[in-house]
N, C-alpha and C. Protein backbone atom coordinates (compact mmCIF):
# COMPACT_ATOMS: atom_id res chain seq x y z
N MET A 1 126.37 78.23 85.07
CA MET A 1 126.81 77.80 86.40
C MET A 1 126.90 76.28 86.39
N ASP A 2 128.00 75.75 86.85
CA ASP A 2 128.13 74.31 86.85
C ASP A 2 127.40 73.72 88.06
N PHE A 3 127.10 72.45 87.94
CA PHE A 3 126.26 71.76 88.91
C PHE A 3 126.84 71.76 90.32
N SER A 4 128.14 71.55 90.45
CA SER A 4 128.75 71.49 91.79
C SER A 4 128.70 72.85 92.49
N ARG A 5 128.90 73.93 91.74
CA ARG A 5 128.78 75.27 92.34
C ARG A 5 127.35 75.53 92.78
N PHE A 6 126.38 75.10 91.96
CA PHE A 6 124.98 75.29 92.31
C PHE A 6 124.62 74.51 93.58
N ILE A 7 125.08 73.28 93.68
CA ILE A 7 124.80 72.46 94.88
C ILE A 7 125.43 73.12 96.11
N GLY A 8 126.64 73.61 95.98
CA GLY A 8 127.28 74.31 97.09
C GLY A 8 126.50 75.54 97.50
N TRP A 9 126.06 76.32 96.51
CA TRP A 9 125.26 77.51 96.80
C TRP A 9 123.97 77.11 97.51
N LEU A 10 123.30 76.08 96.99
CA LEU A 10 122.03 75.62 97.54
C LEU A 10 122.19 75.16 98.99
N LEU A 11 123.23 74.40 99.27
CA LEU A 11 123.46 73.93 100.64
C LEU A 11 123.73 75.08 101.60
N LEU A 12 124.57 76.03 101.18
CA LEU A 12 124.94 77.13 102.07
C LEU A 12 123.86 78.20 102.23
N ASN A 13 123.12 78.47 101.17
CA ASN A 13 122.16 79.57 101.21
C ASN A 13 120.72 79.17 101.49
N VAL A 14 120.41 77.90 101.31
CA VAL A 14 119.05 77.43 101.59
C VAL A 14 119.07 76.34 102.66
N GLY A 15 119.91 75.34 102.47
CA GLY A 15 119.93 74.22 103.41
C GLY A 15 120.35 74.59 104.82
N VAL A 16 121.45 75.31 104.94
CA VAL A 16 121.95 75.68 106.27
C VAL A 16 120.96 76.57 107.04
N PRO A 17 120.43 77.64 106.42
CA PRO A 17 119.50 78.47 107.19
C PRO A 17 118.21 77.75 107.58
N LEU A 18 117.71 76.88 106.71
CA LEU A 18 116.46 76.19 107.02
C LEU A 18 116.65 75.00 107.95
N LEU A 19 117.68 74.23 107.71
CA LEU A 19 117.83 72.98 108.44
C LEU A 19 118.84 73.03 109.57
N GLY A 20 119.77 73.98 109.53
CA GLY A 20 120.81 74.07 110.55
C GLY A 20 120.28 74.17 111.96
N PRO A 21 119.44 75.16 112.24
CA PRO A 21 118.94 75.29 113.62
C PRO A 21 118.12 74.07 114.07
N ILE A 22 117.32 73.52 113.16
CA ILE A 22 116.51 72.35 113.51
C ILE A 22 117.39 71.14 113.71
N ALA A 23 118.44 71.02 112.90
CA ALA A 23 119.34 69.88 113.02
C ALA A 23 120.14 69.90 114.32
N LEU A 24 120.38 71.09 114.86
CA LEU A 24 121.15 71.19 116.11
C LEU A 24 120.31 70.89 117.36
N LEU A 25 119.02 71.07 117.27
CA LEU A 25 118.17 70.83 118.44
C LEU A 25 118.27 69.40 119.00
N PRO A 26 118.42 68.36 118.18
CA PRO A 26 118.58 67.03 118.76
C PRO A 26 119.79 66.88 119.67
N LEU A 27 120.77 67.78 119.55
CA LEU A 27 121.92 67.73 120.45
C LEU A 27 121.52 67.98 121.90
N LEU A 28 120.35 68.59 122.10
CA LEU A 28 119.86 68.80 123.47
C LEU A 28 119.67 67.47 124.20
N GLY A 29 119.41 66.41 123.43
CA GLY A 29 119.21 65.10 124.03
C GLY A 29 120.47 64.51 124.63
N ALA A 30 121.62 65.10 124.35
CA ALA A 30 122.88 64.60 124.91
C ALA A 30 122.98 64.89 126.40
N GLY A 31 122.35 65.97 126.82
CA GLY A 31 122.37 66.32 128.25
C GLY A 31 121.22 65.65 128.99
N LYS A 32 121.32 65.61 130.29
CA LYS A 32 120.29 64.97 131.11
C LYS A 32 119.00 65.78 131.16
N LYS A 33 119.14 67.09 131.17
CA LYS A 33 117.99 67.96 131.40
C LYS A 33 116.89 67.79 130.33
N TYR A 34 117.27 67.66 129.07
CA TYR A 34 116.29 67.63 127.98
C TYR A 34 116.14 66.26 127.33
N ARG A 35 116.81 65.26 127.85
CA ARG A 35 116.72 63.92 127.29
C ARG A 35 115.26 63.46 127.28
N GLY A 36 114.82 62.95 126.17
CA GLY A 36 113.46 62.47 126.04
C GLY A 36 112.45 63.55 125.65
N ARG A 37 112.91 64.80 125.57
CA ARG A 37 112.00 65.90 125.23
C ARG A 37 112.41 66.62 123.95
N VAL A 38 113.30 66.03 123.20
CA VAL A 38 113.85 66.69 122.01
C VAL A 38 112.76 66.96 120.97
N ARG A 39 111.91 65.97 120.68
CA ARG A 39 110.85 66.17 119.68
C ARG A 39 109.94 67.32 120.08
N LYS A 40 109.63 67.37 121.34
CA LYS A 40 108.76 68.43 121.86
C LYS A 40 109.44 69.79 121.70
N LEU A 41 110.73 69.84 121.95
CA LEU A 41 111.46 71.10 121.81
C LEU A 41 111.56 71.55 120.35
N ILE A 42 111.74 70.60 119.44
CA ILE A 42 111.78 70.94 118.02
C ILE A 42 110.44 71.50 117.59
N ARG A 43 109.37 70.83 118.00
CA ARG A 43 108.02 71.30 117.66
C ARG A 43 107.79 72.69 118.26
N ARG A 44 108.19 72.87 119.49
CA ARG A 44 107.99 74.16 120.16
C ARG A 44 108.73 75.29 119.43
N SER A 45 109.92 74.98 118.93
CA SER A 45 110.69 76.01 118.23
C SER A 45 110.03 76.40 116.91
N LEU A 46 109.26 75.50 116.32
CA LEU A 46 108.60 75.79 115.05
C LEU A 46 107.20 76.35 115.21
N GLN A 47 106.51 75.96 116.27
CA GLN A 47 105.09 76.28 116.37
C GLN A 47 104.78 77.75 116.59
N GLU A 48 105.73 78.53 116.98
CA GLU A 48 105.46 79.95 117.19
C GLU A 48 105.89 80.81 116.01
N GLY A 49 106.27 80.16 114.91
CA GLY A 49 106.60 80.91 113.70
C GLY A 49 108.05 81.35 113.60
N GLN A 50 108.94 80.71 114.34
CA GLN A 50 110.33 81.14 114.32
C GLN A 50 110.99 80.90 112.96
N LEU A 51 110.42 80.02 112.16
CA LEU A 51 110.97 79.76 110.83
C LEU A 51 110.82 80.97 109.91
N PHE A 52 109.91 81.88 110.25
CA PHE A 52 109.73 83.08 109.44
C PHE A 52 110.98 83.96 109.43
N TRP A 53 111.80 83.91 110.47
CA TRP A 53 113.04 84.69 110.48
C TRP A 53 113.95 84.23 109.35
N THR A 54 113.99 82.94 109.11
CA THR A 54 114.79 82.40 108.01
C THR A 54 114.20 82.83 106.67
N VAL A 55 112.88 82.80 106.57
CA VAL A 55 112.21 83.23 105.34
C VAL A 55 112.58 84.69 105.04
N ILE A 56 112.56 85.54 106.05
CA ILE A 56 112.89 86.96 105.87
C ILE A 56 114.33 87.11 105.35
N ALA A 57 115.24 86.38 105.93
CA ALA A 57 116.64 86.47 105.51
C ALA A 57 116.84 85.98 104.07
N MET A 58 116.20 84.87 103.72
CA MET A 58 116.34 84.36 102.36
C MET A 58 115.71 85.31 101.35
N CYS A 59 114.59 85.93 101.70
CA CYS A 59 113.95 86.90 100.79
C CYS A 59 114.84 88.13 100.60
N ALA A 60 115.48 88.58 101.66
CA ALA A 60 116.39 89.72 101.53
C ALA A 60 117.55 89.37 100.60
N ALA A 61 118.09 88.18 100.73
CA ALA A 61 119.20 87.76 99.87
C ALA A 61 118.74 87.63 98.42
N ALA A 62 117.55 87.09 98.20
CA ALA A 62 117.02 86.96 96.83
C ALA A 62 116.78 88.33 96.21
N SER A 63 116.27 89.27 96.98
CA SER A 63 116.05 90.63 96.48
C SER A 63 117.38 91.28 96.10
N TYR A 64 118.39 91.04 96.91
CA TYR A 64 119.72 91.58 96.61
C TYR A 64 120.25 91.00 95.29
N GLU A 65 120.12 89.70 95.12
CA GLU A 65 120.61 89.08 93.89
C GLU A 65 119.88 89.63 92.67
N ALA A 66 118.56 89.81 92.78
CA ALA A 66 117.80 90.35 91.65
C ALA A 66 118.20 91.79 91.37
N ALA A 67 118.42 92.57 92.42
CA ALA A 67 118.81 93.98 92.25
C ALA A 67 120.20 94.09 91.61
N VAL A 68 121.13 93.24 92.03
CA VAL A 68 122.46 93.25 91.43
C VAL A 68 122.38 92.90 89.96
N HIS A 69 121.60 91.89 89.64
CA HIS A 69 121.45 91.50 88.24
C HIS A 69 120.78 92.60 87.43
N LEU A 70 119.83 93.29 88.04
CA LEU A 70 119.15 94.41 87.38
C LEU A 70 120.17 95.48 86.98
N GLY A 71 121.12 95.74 87.85
CA GLY A 71 122.15 96.73 87.55
C GLY A 71 123.15 96.28 86.50
N GLU A 72 123.23 94.99 86.25
CA GLU A 72 124.20 94.45 85.29
C GLU A 72 123.60 94.19 83.92
N LEU A 73 122.32 94.45 83.72
CA LEU A 73 121.67 94.16 82.44
C LEU A 73 122.24 95.05 81.33
N LYS A 74 122.82 94.40 80.32
CA LYS A 74 123.36 95.13 79.17
C LYS A 74 123.28 94.24 77.95
N VAL A 75 122.31 94.42 77.14
CA VAL A 75 122.23 93.71 75.86
C VAL A 75 121.42 94.61 74.93
N THR A 76 120.34 94.05 74.40
CA THR A 76 119.45 94.86 73.57
C THR A 76 118.35 95.44 74.44
N PRO A 77 117.70 96.50 73.97
CA PRO A 77 116.60 97.07 74.76
C PRO A 77 115.50 96.05 75.10
N LYS A 78 115.24 95.13 74.16
CA LYS A 78 114.22 94.11 74.41
C LYS A 78 114.65 93.19 75.56
N ASP A 79 115.91 92.74 75.54
CA ASP A 79 116.43 91.88 76.60
C ASP A 79 116.46 92.62 77.93
N ILE A 80 116.84 93.89 77.90
CA ILE A 80 116.88 94.69 79.12
C ILE A 80 115.48 94.83 79.70
N SER A 81 114.50 95.08 78.85
CA SER A 81 113.11 95.22 79.31
C SER A 81 112.61 93.93 79.93
N PHE A 82 112.85 92.80 79.27
CA PHE A 82 112.42 91.50 79.81
C PHE A 82 113.15 91.18 81.10
N GLY A 83 114.45 91.41 81.12
CA GLY A 83 115.24 91.13 82.32
C GLY A 83 114.84 92.01 83.49
N SER A 84 114.57 93.28 83.21
CA SER A 84 114.17 94.17 84.31
C SER A 84 112.79 93.81 84.83
N THR A 85 111.91 93.32 83.96
CA THR A 85 110.58 92.87 84.42
C THR A 85 110.72 91.69 85.38
N ILE A 86 111.57 90.74 85.03
CA ILE A 86 111.79 89.59 85.90
C ILE A 86 112.43 90.03 87.22
N ALA A 87 113.42 90.91 87.13
CA ALA A 87 114.11 91.38 88.35
C ALA A 87 113.14 92.10 89.27
N TRP A 88 112.35 93.01 88.73
CA TRP A 88 111.40 93.74 89.57
C TRP A 88 110.32 92.83 90.13
N THR A 89 109.91 91.83 89.35
CA THR A 89 108.94 90.86 89.86
C THR A 89 109.53 90.10 91.04
N ALA A 90 110.78 89.68 90.92
CA ALA A 90 111.44 88.96 92.02
C ALA A 90 111.58 89.86 93.24
N ILE A 91 111.94 91.11 93.04
CA ILE A 91 112.11 92.04 94.16
C ILE A 91 110.78 92.30 94.86
N VAL A 92 109.73 92.56 94.08
CA VAL A 92 108.41 92.81 94.67
C VAL A 92 107.88 91.56 95.38
N TRP A 93 108.02 90.40 94.76
CA TRP A 93 107.58 89.13 95.36
C TRP A 93 108.25 88.91 96.71
N HIS A 94 109.58 89.02 96.73
CA HIS A 94 110.31 88.75 97.97
C HIS A 94 110.06 89.83 99.02
N SER A 95 109.86 91.06 98.59
CA SER A 95 109.53 92.13 99.55
C SER A 95 108.16 91.87 100.19
N ALA A 96 107.21 91.42 99.38
CA ALA A 96 105.88 91.09 99.92
C ALA A 96 105.97 89.95 100.93
N ILE A 97 106.78 88.95 100.64
CA ILE A 97 106.96 87.82 101.56
C ILE A 97 107.62 88.31 102.86
N ILE A 98 108.54 89.24 102.76
CA ILE A 98 109.18 89.81 103.96
C ILE A 98 108.12 90.48 104.85
N ILE A 99 107.24 91.28 104.24
CA ILE A 99 106.21 91.97 105.01
C ILE A 99 105.24 90.97 105.63
N ILE A 100 104.80 89.99 104.85
CA ILE A 100 103.87 88.98 105.37
C ILE A 100 104.52 88.19 106.50
N SER A 101 105.77 87.79 106.31
CA SER A 101 106.47 87.02 107.35
C SER A 101 106.65 87.83 108.62
N SER A 102 106.93 89.12 108.48
CA SER A 102 107.08 89.98 109.65
C SER A 102 105.78 90.05 110.46
N VAL A 103 104.68 90.18 109.75
CA VAL A 103 103.38 90.21 110.43
C VAL A 103 103.10 88.87 111.10
N LEU A 104 103.41 87.78 110.42
CA LEU A 104 103.15 86.46 111.00
C LEU A 104 104.06 86.17 112.20
N VAL A 105 105.29 86.68 112.19
CA VAL A 105 106.16 86.55 113.36
C VAL A 105 105.52 87.28 114.54
N LEU A 106 104.98 88.46 114.28
CA LEU A 106 104.29 89.22 115.32
C LEU A 106 103.11 88.44 115.88
N LEU A 107 102.30 87.86 114.99
CA LEU A 107 101.15 87.08 115.44
C LEU A 107 101.58 85.85 116.23
N GLY A 108 102.65 85.19 115.77
CA GLY A 108 103.18 84.03 116.49
C GLY A 108 103.67 84.41 117.87
N THR A 109 104.30 85.56 117.98
CA THR A 109 104.78 86.05 119.27
C THR A 109 103.61 86.35 120.20
N MET A 110 102.58 86.96 119.64
CA MET A 110 101.39 87.26 120.45
C MET A 110 100.73 85.97 120.93
N ASP A 111 100.63 84.96 120.04
CA ASP A 111 100.06 83.67 120.44
C ASP A 111 100.90 83.02 121.54
N ALA A 112 102.23 83.11 121.41
CA ALA A 112 103.11 82.51 122.42
C ALA A 112 102.92 83.20 123.77
N ALA A 113 102.76 84.51 123.76
CA ALA A 113 102.54 85.24 125.01
C ALA A 113 101.20 84.84 125.64
N ASP A 114 100.18 84.67 124.80
CA ASP A 114 98.88 84.23 125.30
C ASP A 114 98.95 82.82 125.88
N GLU A 115 99.73 81.96 125.22
CA GLU A 115 99.88 80.59 125.70
C GLU A 115 100.58 80.53 127.05
N GLU A 116 101.56 81.39 127.25
CA GLU A 116 102.26 81.41 128.53
C GLU A 116 101.31 81.74 129.67
N ALA A 117 100.33 82.57 129.39
CA ALA A 117 99.36 82.94 130.42
C ALA A 117 98.50 81.74 130.81
N HIS A 118 98.37 80.80 129.90
CA HIS A 118 97.55 79.61 130.17
C HIS A 118 98.40 78.34 130.25
N ALA A 119 99.65 78.47 130.60
CA ALA A 119 100.59 77.34 130.58
C ALA A 119 100.16 76.19 131.47
N ALA A 120 99.65 76.47 132.61
CA ALA A 120 99.25 75.40 133.53
C ALA A 120 98.15 74.54 132.94
N SER A 121 97.15 75.16 132.34
CA SER A 121 96.05 74.38 131.77
C SER A 121 96.48 73.64 130.51
N ILE A 122 97.41 74.22 129.78
CA ILE A 122 97.91 73.54 128.57
C ILE A 122 98.71 72.30 128.96
N GLN A 123 99.54 72.40 129.99
CA GLN A 123 100.33 71.25 130.43
C GLN A 123 99.43 70.16 130.99
N ALA A 124 98.36 70.53 131.62
CA ALA A 124 97.45 69.54 132.19
C ALA A 124 96.73 68.77 131.09
N ALA A 125 96.40 69.44 130.01
CA ALA A 125 95.68 68.79 128.92
C ALA A 125 96.60 68.42 127.78
N GLU A 126 97.87 68.24 128.08
CA GLU A 126 98.88 67.98 127.06
C GLU A 126 98.61 66.66 126.35
N GLY A 127 98.80 66.68 125.06
CA GLY A 127 98.64 65.49 124.24
C GLY A 127 99.09 65.81 122.84
N VAL A 128 98.88 64.88 121.95
CA VAL A 128 99.25 65.10 120.55
C VAL A 128 98.06 65.74 119.87
N ASP A 129 98.24 66.96 119.43
CA ASP A 129 97.18 67.66 118.74
C ASP A 129 97.70 68.11 117.38
N GLN A 130 96.84 68.80 116.65
CA GLN A 130 97.24 69.27 115.34
C GLN A 130 98.31 70.36 115.46
N ALA A 131 99.10 70.46 114.41
CA ALA A 131 100.12 71.51 114.38
C ALA A 131 99.43 72.87 114.31
N PRO A 132 99.93 73.85 115.04
CA PRO A 132 99.34 75.18 114.96
C PRO A 132 99.42 75.73 113.54
N ARG A 133 98.42 76.50 113.15
CA ARG A 133 98.34 77.03 111.80
C ARG A 133 99.57 77.85 111.44
N ILE A 134 100.07 78.63 112.39
CA ILE A 134 101.25 79.47 112.11
C ILE A 134 102.47 78.61 111.78
N MET A 135 102.57 77.44 112.41
CA MET A 135 103.68 76.52 112.14
C MET A 135 103.56 75.96 110.71
N VAL A 136 102.37 75.56 110.33
CA VAL A 136 102.15 75.01 108.99
C VAL A 136 102.42 76.07 107.93
N VAL A 137 101.93 77.29 108.16
CA VAL A 137 102.17 78.38 107.21
C VAL A 137 103.67 78.68 107.11
N SER A 138 104.37 78.66 108.23
CA SER A 138 105.81 78.96 108.19
C SER A 138 106.57 77.90 107.40
N ILE A 139 106.18 76.66 107.52
CA ILE A 139 106.84 75.59 106.77
C ILE A 139 106.59 75.76 105.27
N TRP A 140 105.33 76.01 104.89
CA TRP A 140 105.01 76.19 103.47
C TRP A 140 105.67 77.44 102.90
N MET A 141 105.71 78.52 103.67
CA MET A 141 106.37 79.73 103.17
C MET A 141 107.87 79.52 103.07
N SER A 142 108.44 78.72 103.94
CA SER A 142 109.87 78.41 103.85
C SER A 142 110.17 77.64 102.57
N ILE A 143 109.31 76.70 102.25
CA ILE A 143 109.49 75.92 101.02
C ILE A 143 109.36 76.83 99.80
N ALA A 144 108.31 77.65 99.78
CA ALA A 144 108.08 78.55 98.65
C ALA A 144 109.24 79.54 98.50
N THR A 145 109.74 80.06 99.61
CA THR A 145 110.84 81.00 99.56
C THR A 145 112.12 80.31 99.10
N ALA A 146 112.36 79.11 99.56
CA ALA A 146 113.55 78.37 99.12
C ALA A 146 113.51 78.17 97.60
N VAL A 147 112.34 77.84 97.08
CA VAL A 147 112.20 77.64 95.63
C VAL A 147 112.38 78.96 94.88
N SER A 148 111.72 80.04 95.35
CA SER A 148 111.83 81.31 94.63
C SER A 148 113.22 81.93 94.76
N PHE A 149 113.87 81.75 95.91
CA PHE A 149 115.24 82.23 96.08
C PHE A 149 116.17 81.50 95.12
N THR A 150 116.00 80.18 95.03
CA THR A 150 116.82 79.38 94.13
C THR A 150 116.58 79.77 92.68
N ALA A 151 115.31 79.98 92.31
CA ALA A 151 114.99 80.39 90.94
C ALA A 151 115.59 81.76 90.63
N THR A 152 115.52 82.69 91.60
CA THR A 152 116.11 84.00 91.39
C THR A 152 117.62 83.90 91.21
N HIS A 153 118.25 83.06 92.02
CA HIS A 153 119.69 82.89 91.90
C HIS A 153 120.07 82.29 90.55
N LEU A 154 119.33 81.27 90.12
CA LEU A 154 119.64 80.65 88.84
C LEU A 154 119.44 81.65 87.71
N TRP A 155 118.38 82.44 87.78
CA TRP A 155 118.14 83.44 86.75
C TRP A 155 119.22 84.52 86.74
N ALA A 156 119.62 84.95 87.93
CA ALA A 156 120.61 86.03 88.03
C ALA A 156 122.03 85.56 87.68
N SER A 157 122.25 84.27 87.71
CA SER A 157 123.61 83.76 87.45
C SER A 157 123.91 83.75 85.98
């Protein structure tokens, strides 16, 4: 695979899903209603684990690429065995991340519902605090998934 095709693939399959929605949120500052609150809105969109939806989609795409490559393996039995081991490892890895991300989306949704019940007290005590754990985990899982999806694509190409 040549470098320019790889960069194009990387931008479309990893960059756009991860950065596209976050990059569009600053456009909210163009209107009067959300001016001055853009950073808060970006943080809010991440703190409930919404990034896990992107992780799930990238894992599904990586599993598909590994499965397609698994079906195309044709060389010697040794190469087929090694290739199928890598393909199945990629499929199992990404499937596990899908399950974990689904559970974490559920937990993030439950936390968001609990927070809404206490919205008045949260707004009263508003300040700069630590990032919620689910937000930090979603960012790290997004990075790990982007790397493993890219590695699967490079291997399958």
